[in-house]
PDB file of N, CA and C in Angstrom:
ATOM      1  N   UNK A   1    -236.424 171.321-131.259  1.00  0.00           N
ATOM      2  CA  UNK A   1    -235.070 171.129-130.759  1.00  0.00           C
ATOM      3  C   UNK A   1    -234.540 172.367-130.049  1.00  0.00           C
ATOM      4  N   UNK A   2    -235.077 173.542-130.363  1.00  0.00           N
ATOM      5  CA  UNK A   2    -234.585 174.747-129.696  1.00  0.00           C
ATOM      6  C   UNK A   2    -234.757 174.649-128.189  1.00  0.00           C
ATOM      7  N   UNK A   3    -235.813 173.972-127.729  1.00  0.00           N
ATOM      8  CA  UNK A   3    -236.017 173.816-126.284  1.00  0.00           C
ATOM      9  C   UNK A   3    -234.920 172.941-125.679  1.00  0.00           C
ATOM     10  N   UNK A   4    -234.447 171.964-126.427  1.00  0.00           N
ATOM     11  CA  UNK A   4    -233.326 171.139-125.958  1.00  0.00           C
ATOM     12  C   UNK A   4    -232.076 171.994-125.798  1.00  0.00           C
ATOM     13  N   UNK A   5    -231.866 172.935-126.703  1.00  0.00           N
ATOM     14  CA  UNK A   5    -230.730 173.852-126.593  1.00  0.00           C
ATOM     15  C   UNK A   5    -230.868 174.712-125.340  1.00  0.00           C
ATOM     16  N   UNK A   6    -232.074 175.181-125.064  1.00  0.00           N
ATOM     17  CA  UNK A   6    -232.323 175.979-123.858  1.00  0.00           C
ATOM     18  C   UNK A   6    -232.007 175.172-122.613  1.00  0.00           C
ATOM     19  N   UNK A   7    -232.483 173.932-122.555  1.00  0.00           N
ATOM     20  CA  UNK A   7    -232.256 173.085-121.374  1.00  0.00           C
ATOM     21  C   UNK A   7    -230.768 172.803-121.173  1.00  0.00           C
ATOM     22  N   UNK A   8    -230.053 172.572-122.259  1.00  0.00           N
ATOM     23  CA  UNK A   8    -228.611 172.341-122.156  1.00  0.00           C
ATOM     24  C   UNK A   8    -227.918 173.588-121.625  1.00  0.00           C
ATOM     25  N   UNK A   9    -228.310 174.761-122.110  1.00  0.00           N
ATOM     26  CA  UNK A   9    -227.718 176.018-121.641  1.00  0.00           C
ATOM     27  C   UNK A   9    -228.007 176.239-120.158  1.00  0.00           C
ATOM     28  N   UNK A  10    -229.218 175.907-119.744  1.00  0.00           N
ATOM     29  CA  UNK A  10    -229.582 176.071-118.337  1.00  0.00           C
ATOM     30  C   UNK A  10    -228.745 175.167-117.429  1.00  0.00           C
ATOM     31  N   UNK A  11    -228.328 174.018-117.947  1.00  0.00           N
ATOM     32  CA  UNK A  11    -227.468 173.123-117.163  1.00  0.00           C
ATOM     33  C   UNK A  11    -226.133 173.777-116.843  1.00  0.00           C
ATOM     34  N   UNK A  12    -225.719 174.733-117.656  1.00  0.00           N
ATOM     35  CA  UNK A  12    -224.457 175.464-117.430  1.00  0.00           C
ATOM     36  C   UNK A  12    -224.710 176.867-116.892  1.00  0.00           C
ATOM     37  N   UNK A  13    -225.859 177.050-116.260  1.00  0.00           N
ATOM     38  CA  UNK A  13    -226.242 178.295-115.597  1.00  0.00           C
ATOM     39  C   UNK A  13    -226.296 179.511-116.523  1.00  0.00           C
ATOM     40  N   UNK A  14    -226.740 179.308-117.750  1.00  0.00           N
ATOM     41  CA  UNK A  14    -227.001 180.448-118.628  1.00  0.00           C
ATOM     42  C   UNK A  14    -228.081 181.313-117.974  1.00  0.00           C
ATOM     43  N   UNK A  15    -228.021 182.602-118.200  1.00  0.00           N
ATOM     44  CA  UNK A  15    -229.040 183.476-117.623  1.00  0.00           C
ATOM     45  C   UNK A  15    -229.630 184.390-118.697  1.00  0.00           C
ATOM     46  N   UNK A  16    -230.727 185.041-118.324  1.00  0.00           N
ATOM     47  CA  UNK A  16    -231.472 185.915-119.244  1.00  0.00           C
ATOM     48  C   UNK A  16    -231.832 185.190-120.540  1.00  0.00           C
ATOM     49  N   UNK A  17    -232.349 183.989-120.397  1.00  0.00           N
ATOM     50  CA  UNK A  17    -232.714 183.178-121.560  1.00  0.00           C
ATOM     51  C   UNK A  17    -234.018 183.709-122.152  1.00  0.00           C
ATOM     52  N   UNK A  18    -233.973 183.910-123.457  1.00  0.00           N
ATOM     53  CA  UNK A  18    -235.155 184.396-124.169  1.00  0.00           C
ATOM     54  C   UNK A  18    -235.212 183.714-125.526  1.00  0.00           C
ATOM     55  N   UNK A  19    -236.411 183.344-125.939  1.00  0.00           N
ATOM     56  CA  UNK A  19    -236.603 182.730-127.250  1.00  0.00           C
ATOM     57  C   UNK A  19    -237.576 183.601-128.037  1.00  0.00           C
ATOM     58  N   UNK A  20    -237.165 183.948-129.253  1.00  0.00           N
ATOM     59  CA  UNK A  20    -238.010 184.742-130.143  1.00  0.00           C
ATOM     60  C   UNK A  20    -238.526 183.868-131.271  1.00  0.00           C
ATOM     61  N   UNK A  21    -239.808 183.950-131.528  1.00  0.00           N
ATOM     62  CA  UNK A  21    -240.453 183.234-132.631  1.00  0.00           C
ATOM     63  C   UNK A  21    -240.428 184.154-133.851  1.00  0.00           C
ATOM     64  N   UNK A  22    -239.624 183.785-134.839  1.00  0.00           N
ATOM     65  CA  UNK A  22    -239.424 184.627-136.022  1.00  0.00           C
ATOM     66  C   UNK A  22    -240.290 184.218-137.210  1.00  0.00           C
ATOM     67  N   UNK A  23    -241.118 183.208-137.053  1.00  0.00           N
ATOM     68  CA  UNK A  23    -241.824 182.637-138.200  1.00  0.00           C
ATOM     69  C   UNK A  23    -242.703 183.626-138.945  1.00  0.00           C
ATOM     70  N   UNK A  24    -243.251 184.622-138.253  1.00  0.00           N
ATOM     71  CA  UNK A  24    -244.092 185.612-138.932  1.00  0.00           C
ATOM     72  C   UNK A  24    -243.302 186.844-139.365  1.00  0.00           C
ATOM     73  N   UNK A  25    -241.993 186.849-139.086  1.00  0.00           N
ATOM     74  CA  UNK A  25    -241.170 188.030-139.343  1.00  0.00           C
ATOM     75  C   UNK A  25    -240.183 187.821-140.487  1.00  0.00           C
ATOM     76  N   UNK A  26    -239.633 186.615-140.602  1.00  0.00           N
ATOM     77  CA  UNK A  26    -238.612 186.338-141.610  1.00  0.00           C
ATOM     78  C   UNK A  26    -238.663 184.865-142.015  1.00  0.00           C
ATOM     79  N   UNK A  27    -237.942 184.525-143.062  1.00  0.00           N
ATOM     80  CA  UNK A  27    -237.942 183.140-143.534  1.00  0.00           C
ATOM     81  C   UNK A  27    -236.613 182.424-143.306  1.00  0.00           C
ATOM     82  N   UNK A  28    -235.562 183.121-142.869  1.00  0.00           N
ATOM     83  CA  UNK A  28    -234.257 182.467-142.767  1.00  0.00           C
ATOM     84  C   UNK A  28    -234.116 181.601-141.524  1.00  0.00           C
ATOM     85  N   UNK A  29    -234.962 181.815-140.519  1.00  0.00           N
ATOM     86  CA  UNK A  29    -234.940 180.985-139.305  1.00  0.00           C
ATOM     87  C   UNK A  29    -236.301 181.089-138.636  1.00  0.00           C
ATOM     88  N   UNK A  30    -236.639 180.056-137.873  1.00  0.00           N
ATOM     89  CA  UNK A  30    -237.905 180.066-137.144  1.00  0.00           C
ATOM     90  C   UNK A  30    -237.774 180.669-135.751  1.00  0.00           C
ATOM     91  N   UNK A  31    -236.625 180.422-135.096  1.00  0.00           N
ATOM     92  CA  UNK A  31    -236.445 180.870-133.716  1.00  0.00           C
ATOM     93  C   UNK A  31    -235.038 181.398-133.481  1.00  0.00           C
ATOM     94  N   UNK A  32    -234.940 182.374-132.589  1.00  0.00           N
ATOM     95  CA  UNK A  32    -233.680 182.800-131.998  1.00  0.00           C
ATOM     96  C   UNK A  32    -233.723 182.377-130.535  1.00  0.00           C
ATOM     97  N   UNK A  33    -232.685 181.701-130.091  1.00  0.00           N
ATOM     98  CA  UNK A  33    -232.484 181.434-128.671  1.00  0.00           C
ATOM     99  C   UNK A  33    -231.389 182.402-128.250  1.00  0.00           C
ATOM    100  N   UNK A  34    -231.704 183.289-127.322  1.00  0.00           N
ATOM    101  CA  UNK A  34    -230.768 184.327-126.891  1.00  0.00           C
ATOM    102  C   UNK A  34    -230.533 184.157-125.393  1.00  0.00           C
ATOM    103  N   UNK A  35    -229.260 184.132-125.010  1.00  0.00           N
ATOM    104  CA  UNK A  35    -228.939 183.943-123.592  1.00  0.00           C
ATOM    105  C   UNK A  35    -227.584 184.508-123.268  1.00  0.00           C
ATOM    106  N   UNK A  36    -227.295 184.610-121.989  1.00  0.00           N
ATOM    107  CA  UNK A  36    -226.038 185.180-121.532  1.00  0.00           C
ATOM    108  C   UNK A  36    -225.244 184.169-120.721  1.00  0.00           C
ATOM    109  N   UNK A  37    -223.921 184.362-120.789  1.00  0.00           N
ATOM    110  CA  UNK A  37    -222.991 183.714-119.877  1.00  0.00           C
ATOM    111  C   UNK A  37    -222.247 184.809-119.149  1.00  0.00           C
ATOM    112  N   UNK A  38    -221.651 184.476-118.019  1.00  0.00           N
ATOM    113  CA  UNK A  38    -221.014 185.494-117.182  1.00  0.00           C
ATOM    114  C   UNK A  38    -219.604 185.867-117.611  1.00  0.00           C
ATOM    115  N   UNK A  39    -218.909 184.925-118.255  1.00  0.00           N
ATOM    116  CA  UNK A  39    -217.529 185.185-118.660  1.00  0.00           C
ATOM    117  C   UNK A  39    -217.181 184.270-119.834  1.00  0.00           C
ATOM    118  N   UNK A  40    -215.985 184.458-120.387  1.00  0.00           N
ATOM    119  CA  UNK A  40    -215.563 183.709-121.573  1.00  0.00           C
ATOM    120  C   UNK A  40    -215.657 182.206-121.369  1.00  0.00           C
ATOM    121  N   UNK A  41    -215.158 181.728-120.258  1.00  0.00           N
ATOM    122  CA  UNK A  41    -215.159 180.281-120.009  1.00  0.00           C
ATOM    123  C   UNK A  41    -216.583 179.724-119.909  1.00  0.00           C
ATOM    124  N   UNK A  42    -217.448 180.463-119.229  1.00  0.00           N
ATOM    125  CA  UNK A  42    -218.824 179.985-119.112  1.00  0.00           C
ATOM    126  C   UNK A  42    -219.533 180.023-120.460  1.00  0.00           C
ATOM    127  N   UNK A  43    -219.305 181.064-121.242  1.00  0.00           N
ATOM    128  CA  UNK A  43    -219.929 181.174-122.558  1.00  0.00           C
ATOM    129  C   UNK A  43    -219.507 179.993-123.428  1.00  0.00           C
ATOM    130  N   UNK A  44    -218.228 179.656-123.414  1.00  0.00           N
ATOM    131  CA  UNK A  44    -217.747 178.491-124.170  1.00  0.00           C
ATOM    132  C   UNK A  44    -218.317 177.194-123.612  1.00  0.00           C
ATOM    133  N   UNK A  45    -218.412 177.091-122.290  1.00  0.00           N
ATOM    134  CA  UNK A  45    -218.982 175.885-121.676  1.00  0.00           C
ATOM    135  C   UNK A  45    -220.449 175.706-122.062  1.00  0.00           C
ATOM    136  N   UNK A  46    -221.183 176.795-122.136  1.00  0.00           N
ATOM    137  CA  UNK A  46    -222.585 176.732-122.571  1.00  0.00           C
ATOM    138  C   UNK A  46    -222.654 176.236-124.006  1.00  0.00           C
ATOM    139  N   UNK A  47    -221.815 176.797-124.880  1.00  0.00           N
ATOM    140  CA  UNK A  47    -221.795 176.368-126.284  1.00  0.00           C
ATOM    141  C   UNK A  47    -221.430 174.890-126.384  1.00  0.00           C
ATOM    142  N   UNK A  48    -220.448 174.459-125.613  1.00  0.00           N
ATOM    143  CA  UNK A  48    -220.039 173.049-125.628  1.00  0.00           C
ATOM    144  C   UNK A  48    -221.172 172.139-125.178  1.00  0.00           C
ATOM    145  N   UNK A  49    -221.865 172.538-124.126  1.00  0.00           N
ATOM    146  CA  UNK A  49    -222.965 171.719-123.596  1.00  0.00           C
ATOM    147  C   UNK A  49    -224.109 171.620-124.604  1.00  0.00           C
ATOM    148  N   UNK A  50    -224.437 172.726-125.231  1.00  0.00           N
ATOM    149  CA  UNK A  50    -225.487 172.709-126.257  1.00  0.00           C
ATOM    150  C   UNK A  50    -225.074 171.781-127.393  1.00  0.00           C
ATOM    151  N   UNK A  51    -223.842 171.938-127.853  1.00  0.00           N
ATOM    152  CA  UNK A  51    -223.345 171.105-128.952  1.00  0.00           C
ATOM    153  C   UNK A  51    -223.413 169.617-128.592  1.00  0.00           C
ATOM    154  N   UNK A  52    -222.908 169.253-127.423  1.00  0.00           N
ATOM    155  CA  UNK A  52    -222.897 167.840-127.016  1.00  0.00           C
ATOM    156  C   UNK A  52    -224.308 167.289-126.839  1.00  0.00           C
ATOM    157  N   UNK A  53    -225.166 168.078-126.217  1.00  0.00           N
ATOM    158  CA  UNK A  53    -226.538 167.635-125.962  1.00  0.00           C
ATOM    159  C   UNK A  53    -227.291 167.402-127.272  1.00  0.00           C
ATOM    160  N   UNK A  54    -227.182 168.358-128.184  1.00  0.00           N
ATOM    161  CA  UNK A  54    -227.902 168.226-129.449  1.00  0.00           C
ATOM    162  C   UNK A  54    -227.276 167.159-130.348  1.00  0.00           C
ATOM    163  N   UNK A  55    -225.964 166.989-130.270  1.00  0.00           N
ATOM    164  CA  UNK A  55    -225.302 165.944-131.055  1.00  0.00           C
ATOM    165  C   UNK A  55    -225.832 164.564-130.661  1.00  0.00           C
ATOM    166  N   UNK A  56    -226.058 164.354-129.373  1.00  0.00           N
ATOM    167  CA  UNK A  56    -226.630 163.082-128.901  1.00  0.00           C
ATOM    168  C   UNK A  56    -228.016 162.835-129.488  1.00  0.00           C
ATOM    169  N   UNK A  57    -228.703 163.917-129.825  1.00  0.00           N
ATOM    170  CA  UNK A  57    -230.040 163.810-130.412  1.00  0.00           C
ATOM    171  C   UNK A  57    -229.999 163.823-131.940  1.00  0.00           C
ATOM    172  N   UNK A  58    -228.772 163.800-132.499  1.00  0.00           N
ATOM    173  CA  UNK A  58    -228.616 163.751-133.948  1.00  0.00           C
ATOM    174  C   UNK A  58    -228.649 165.105-134.626  1.00  0.00           C
ATOM    175  N   UNK A  59    -228.541 166.163-133.860  1.00  0.00           N
ATOM    176  CA  UNK A  59    -228.611 167.525-134.391  1.00  0.00           C
ATOM    177  C   UNK A  59    -227.216 168.141-134.382  1.00  0.00           C
ATOM    178  N   UNK A  60    -226.740 168.551-135.549  1.00  0.00           N
ATOM    179  CA  UNK A  60    -225.423 169.186-135.672  1.00  0.00           C
ATOM    180  C   UNK A  60    -225.591 170.600-136.234  1.00  0.00           C
ATOM    181  N   UNK A  61    -224.783 171.540-135.760  1.00  0.00           N
ATOM    182  CA  UNK A  61    -224.910 172.904-136.285  1.00  0.00           C
ATOM    183  C   UNK A  61    -224.380 173.007-137.708  1.00  0.00           C
ATOM    184  N   UNK A  62    -224.994 173.895-138.480  1.00  0.00           N
ATOM    185  CA  UNK A  62    -224.472 174.214-139.807  1.00  0.00           C
ATOM    186  C   UNK A  62    -223.172 174.985-139.682  1.00  0.00           C
ATOM    187  N   UNK A  63    -223.092 175.827-138.675  1.00  0.00           N
ATOM    188  CA  UNK A  63    -221.874 176.589-138.417  1.00  0.00           C
ATOM    189  C   UNK A  63    -221.884 177.104-136.986  1.00  0.00           C
ATOM    190  N   UNK A  64    -220.688 177.407-136.493  1.00  0.00           N
ATOM    191  CA  UNK A  64    -220.508 178.033-135.184  1.00  0.00           C
ATOM    192  C   UNK A  64    -219.517 179.171-135.384  1.00  0.00           C
ATOM    193  N   UNK A  65    -219.905 180.355-134.966  1.00  0.00           N
ATOM    194  CA  UNK A  65    -219.059 181.545-135.118  1.00  0.00           C
ATOM    195  C   UNK A  65    -218.776 182.160-133.758  1.00  0.00           C
ATOM    196  N   UNK A  66    -217.584 182.714-133.592  1.00  0.00           N
ATOM    197  CA  UNK A  66    -217.250 183.485-132.405  1.00  0.00           C
ATOM    198  C   UNK A  66    -216.790 182.692-131.201  1.00  0.00           C
ATOM    199  N   UNK A  67    -216.534 181.396-131.369  1.00  0.00           N
ATOM    200  CA  UNK A  67    -216.191 180.556-130.217  1.00  0.00           C
ATOM    201  C   UNK A  67    -214.904 181.016-129.539  1.00  0.00           C
ATOM    202  N   UNK A  68    -213.871 181.315-130.302  1.00  0.00           N
ATOM    203  CA  UNK A  68    -212.577 181.667-129.710  1.00  0.00           C
ATOM    204  C   UNK A  68    -212.639 182.962-128.915  1.00  0.00           C
ATOM    205  N   UNK A  69    -213.317 183.962-129.447  1.00  0.00           N
ATOM    206  CA  UNK A  69    -213.452 185.239-128.751  1.00  0.00           C
ATOM    207  C   UNK A  69    -214.461 185.137-127.608  1.00  0.00           C
ATOM    208  N   UNK A  70    -215.532 184.400-127.842  1.00  0.00           N
ATOM    209  CA  UNK A  70    -216.576 184.104-126.844  1.00  0.00           C
ATOM    210  C   UNK A  70    -217.238 185.343-126.250  1.00  0.00           C
ATOM    211  N   UNK A  71    -217.322 186.409-127.032  1.00  0.00           N
ATOM    212  CA  UNK A  71    -218.107 187.563-126.618  1.00  0.00           C
ATOM    213  C   UNK A  71    -219.544 187.374-127.109  1.00  0.00           C
ATOM    214  N   UNK A  72    -219.657 186.725-128.278  1.00  0.00           N
ATOM    215  CA  UNK A  72    -220.944 186.366-128.870  1.00  0.00           C
ATOM    216  C   UNK A  72    -220.704 185.115-129.703  1.00  0.00           C
ATOM    217  N   UNK A  73    -221.221 184.010-129.249  1.00  0.00           N
ATOM    218  CA  UNK A  73    -221.133 182.768-130.016  1.00  0.00           C
ATOM    219  C   UNK A  73    -222.474 182.560-130.708  1.00  0.00           C
ATOM    220  N   UNK A  74    -222.410 182.345-132.008  1.00  0.00           N
ATOM    221  CA  UNK A  74    -223.604 182.079-132.809  1.00  0.00           C
ATOM    222  C   UNK A  74    -223.541 180.642-133.290  1.00  0.00           C
ATOM    223  N   UNK A  75    -224.544 179.868-132.928  1.00  0.00           N
ATOM    224  CA  UNK A  75    -224.656 178.471-133.360  1.00  0.00           C
ATOM    225  C   UNK A  75    -225.867 178.371-134.284  1.00  0.00           C
ATOM    226  N   UNK A  76    -225.619 178.051-135.549  1.00  0.00           N
ATOM    227  CA  UNK A  76    -226.669 178.009-136.565  1.00  0.00           C
ATOM    228  C   UNK A  76    -227.125 176.572-136.760  1.00  0.00           C
ATOM    229  N   UNK A  77    -228.351 176.289-136.351  1.00  0.00           N
ATOM    230  CA  UNK A  77    -228.937 174.966-136.522  1.00  0.00           C
ATOM    231  C   UNK A  77    -230.019 174.968-137.604  1.00  0.00           C
ATOM    232  N   UNK A  78    -229.968 175.932-138.489  1.00  0.00           N
ATOM    233  CA  UNK A  78    -230.919 175.979-139.597  1.00  0.00           C
ATOM    234  C   UNK A  78    -232.225 176.634-139.196  1.00  0.00           C
ATOM    235  N   UNK A  79    -233.141 175.865-138.638  1.00  0.00           N
ATOM    236  CA  UNK A  79    -234.446 176.393-138.242  1.00  0.00           C
ATOM    237  C   UNK A  79    -234.362 177.315-137.037  1.00  0.00           C
ATOM    238  N   UNK A  80    -233.306 177.180-136.263  1.00  0.00           N
ATOM    239  CA  UNK A  80    -233.129 178.046-135.100  1.00  0.00           C
ATOM    240  C   UNK A  80    -231.653 178.395-134.936  1.00  0.00           C
ATOM    241  N   UNK A  81    -231.418 179.575-134.374  1.00  0.00           N
ATOM    242  CA  UNK A  81    -230.069 180.046-134.115  1.00  0.00           C
ATOM    243  C   UNK A  81    -229.923 180.308-132.625  1.00  0.00           C
ATOM    244  N   UNK A  82    -228.801 179.877-132.070  1.00  0.00           N
ATOM    245  CA  UNK A  82    -228.518 180.090-130.656  1.00  0.00           C
ATOM    246  C   UNK A  82    -227.470 181.195-130.552  1.00  0.00           C
ATOM    247  N   UNK A  83    -227.805 182.245-129.806  1.00  0.00           N
ATOM    248  CA  UNK A  83    -226.910 183.374-129.586  1.00  0.00           C
ATOM    249  C   UNK A  83    -226.506 183.353-128.111  1.00  0.00           C
ATOM    250  N   UNK A  84    -225.219 183.138-127.852  1.00  0.00           N
ATOM    251  CA  UNK A  84    -224.718 183.123-126.483  1.00  0.00           C
ATOM    252  C   UNK A  84    -223.851 184.369-126.312  1.00  0.00           C
ATOM    253  N   UNK A  85    -224.304 185.286-125.482  1.00  0.00           N
ATOM    254  CA  UNK A  85    -223.672 186.592-125.348  1.00  0.00           C
ATOM    255  C   UNK A  85    -222.985 186.789-124.000  1.00  0.00           C
ATOM    256  N   UNK A  86    -221.974 187.649-124.011  1.00  0.00           N
ATOM    257  CA  UNK A  86    -221.529 188.277-122.773  1.00  0.00           C
ATOM    258  C   UNK A  86    -222.575 189.352-122.474  1.00  0.00           C
ATOM    259  N   UNK A  87    -222.619 189.803-121.234  1.00  0.00           N
ATOM    260  CA  UNK A  87    -223.593 190.848-120.889  1.00  0.00           C
ATOM    261  C   UNK A  87    -223.372 192.098-121.735  1.00  0.00           C
ATOM    262  N   UNK A  88    -222.126 192.489-121.915  1.00  0.00           N
ATOM    263  CA  UNK A  88    -221.780 193.697-122.671  1.00  0.00           C
ATOM    264  C   UNK A  88    -222.206 193.575-124.139  1.00  0.00           C
ATOM    265  N   UNK A  89    -221.910 192.433-124.757  1.00  0.00           N
ATOM    266  CA  UNK A  89    -222.255 192.241-126.171  1.00  0.00           C
ATOM    267  C   UNK A  89    -223.770 192.198-126.367  1.00  0.00           C
ATOM    268  N   UNK A  90    -224.478 191.592-125.438  1.00  0.00           N
ATOM    269  CA  UNK A  90    -225.938 191.532-125.588  1.00  0.00           C
ATOM    270  C   UNK A  90    -226.552 192.929-125.546  1.00  0.00           C
ATOM    271  N   UNK A  91    -226.062 193.753-124.645  1.00  0.00           N
ATOM    272  CA  UNK A  91    -226.550 195.133-124.596  1.00  0.00           C
ATOM    273  C   UNK A  91    -226.214 195.884-125.877  1.00  0.00           C
ATOM    274  N   UNK A  92    -225.014 195.684-126.371  1.00  0.00           N
ATOM    275  CA  UNK A  92    -224.557 196.394-127.565  1.00  0.00           C
ATOM    276  C   UNK A  92    -225.366 196.003-128.807  1.00  0.00           C
ATOM    277  N   UNK A  93    -225.520 194.701-129.048  1.00  0.00           N
ATOM    278  CA  UNK A  93    -226.200 194.247-130.267  1.00  0.00           C
ATOM    279  C   UNK A  93    -227.723 194.279-130.145  1.00  0.00           C
ATOM    280  N   UNK A  94    -228.242 194.125-128.947  1.00  0.00           N
ATOM    281  CA  UNK A  94    -229.659 194.296-128.635  1.00  0.00           C
ATOM    282  C   UNK A  94    -230.593 193.636-129.666  1.00  0.00           C
ATOM    283  N   UNK A  95    -230.418 192.329-129.847  1.00  0.00           N
ATOM    284  CA  UNK A  95    -231.233 191.600-130.822  1.00  0.00           C
ATOM    285  C   UNK A  95    -232.720 191.685-130.532  1.00  0.00           C
ATOM    286  N   UNK A  96    -233.076 191.743-129.263  1.00  0.00           N
ATOM    287  CA  UNK A  96    -234.496 191.842-128.925  1.00  0.00           C
ATOM    288  C   UNK A  96    -235.112 193.125-129.488  1.00  0.00           C
ATOM    289  N   UNK A  97    -234.345 194.208-129.505  1.00  0.00           N
ATOM    290  CA  UNK A  97    -234.847 195.449-130.090  1.00  0.00           C
ATOM    291  C   UNK A  97    -234.898 195.345-131.610  1.00  0.00           C
ATOM    292  N   UNK A  98    -233.835 194.796-132.207  1.00  0.00           N
ATOM    293  CA  UNK A  98    -233.791 194.658-133.662  1.00  0.00           C
ATOM    294  C   UNK A  98    -234.914 193.768-134.184  1.00  0.00           C
ATOM    295  N   UNK A  99    -235.264 192.749-133.420  1.00  0.00           N
ATOM    296  CA  UNK A  99    -236.302 191.796-133.813  1.00  0.00           C
ATOM    297  C   UNK A  99    -237.547 191.972-132.943  1.00  0.00           C
ATOM    298  N   UNK A 100    -237.868 193.216-132.614  1.00  0.00           N
ATOM    299  CA  UNK A 100    -238.986 193.499-131.715  1.00  0.00           C
ATOM    300  C   UNK A 100    -240.335 193.050-132.262  1.00  0.00           C
ATOM    301  N   UNK A 101    -240.440 192.839-133.577  1.00  0.00           N
ATOM    302  CA  UNK A 101    -241.704 192.362-134.153  1.00  0.00           C
ATOM    303  C   UNK A 101    -241.906 190.862-133.945  1.00  0.00           C
ATOM    304  N   UNK A 102    -240.877 190.179-133.493  1.00  0.00           N
ATOM    305  CA  UNK A 102    -240.991 188.738-133.219  1.00  0.00           C
ATOM    306  C   UNK A 102    -241.686 188.535-131.879  1.00  0.00           C
ATOM    307  N   UNK A 103    -242.408 187.440-131.776  1.00  0.00           N
ATOM    308  CA  UNK A 103    -243.082 187.106-130.524  1.00  0.00           C
ATOM    309  C   UNK A 103    -242.093 186.427-129.571  1.00  0.00           C
ATOM    310  N   UNK A 104    -242.210 186.760-128.297  1.00  0.00           N
ATOM    311  CA  UNK A 104    -241.416 186.083-127.279  1.00  0.00           C
ATOM    312  C   UNK A 104    -242.130 184.790-126.904  1.00  0.00           C
ATOM    313  N   UNK A 105    -241.380 183.696-126.882  1.00  0.00           N
ATOM    314  CA  UNK A 105    -241.931 182.385-126.554  1.00  0.00           C
ATOM    315  C   UNK A 105    -241.874 182.191-125.048  1.00  0.00           C
ATOM    316  N   UNK A 106    -243.002 181.787-124.471  1.00  0.00           N
ATOM    317  CA  UNK A 106    -243.049 181.454-123.057  1.00  0.00           C
ATOM    318  C   UNK A 106    -242.368 180.101-122.862  1.00  0.00           C
ATOM    319  N   UNK A 107    -241.329 180.060-122.042  1.00  0.00           N
ATOM    320  CA  UNK A 107    -240.589 178.812-121.836  1.00  0.00           C
ATOM    321  C   UNK A 107    -241.307 177.952-120.793  1.00  0.00           C
ATOM    322  N   UNK A 108    -241.527 176.685-121.118  1.00  0.00           N
ATOM    323  CA  UNK A 108    -242.132 175.798-120.125  1.00  0.00           C
ATOM    324  C   UNK A 108    -241.163 175.562-118.976  1.00  0.00           C
ATOM    325  N   UNK A 109    -241.699 175.320-117.792  1.00  0.00           N
ATOM    326  CA  UNK A 109    -240.858 175.039-116.636  1.00  0.00           C
ATOM    327  C   UNK A 109    -240.046 173.776-116.872  1.00  0.00           C
ATOM    328  N   UNK A 110    -238.818 173.793-116.421  1.00  0.00           N
ATOM    329  CA  UNK A 110    -237.945 172.616-116.561  1.00  0.00           C
ATOM    330  C   UNK A 110    -238.447 171.517-115.639  1.00  0.00           C
ATOM    331  N   UNK A 111    -238.398 170.304-116.137  1.00  0.00           N
ATOM    332  CA  UNK A 111    -238.768 169.150-115.318  1.00  0.00           C
ATOM    333  C   UNK A 111    -237.495 168.538-114.748  1.00  0.00           C
ATOM    334  N   UNK A 112    -237.603 168.011-113.571  1.00  0.00           N
ATOM    335  CA  UNK A 112    -236.422 167.420-112.930  1.00  0.00           C
ATOM    336  C   UNK A 112    -236.376 165.940-113.116  1.00  0.00           C
TER     337      UNK A 112
END
């Protein structure tokens, strides 16, 4: 389902999309989906699109944090977490560095 979240985010022009495979690093989640939006409205629109897209597939988040501030929205879907960042917040928190032992997942090309 994490790939469905990626595709939904791409529909709202998310950029710098990266997926980390955490299965060999930790047990609390299998994947991190990390991506950026350009501004508050776009970050919220990306979160909304992911939520609506996954809801249609029967997938609901356990929790959503940071929506109102929209500097970093965290959507917890259990096996995977979606992190939607502003450019500034992504640089500051630098999850890719913190989770550098995780493997980066090669994203398949989107089909039209």
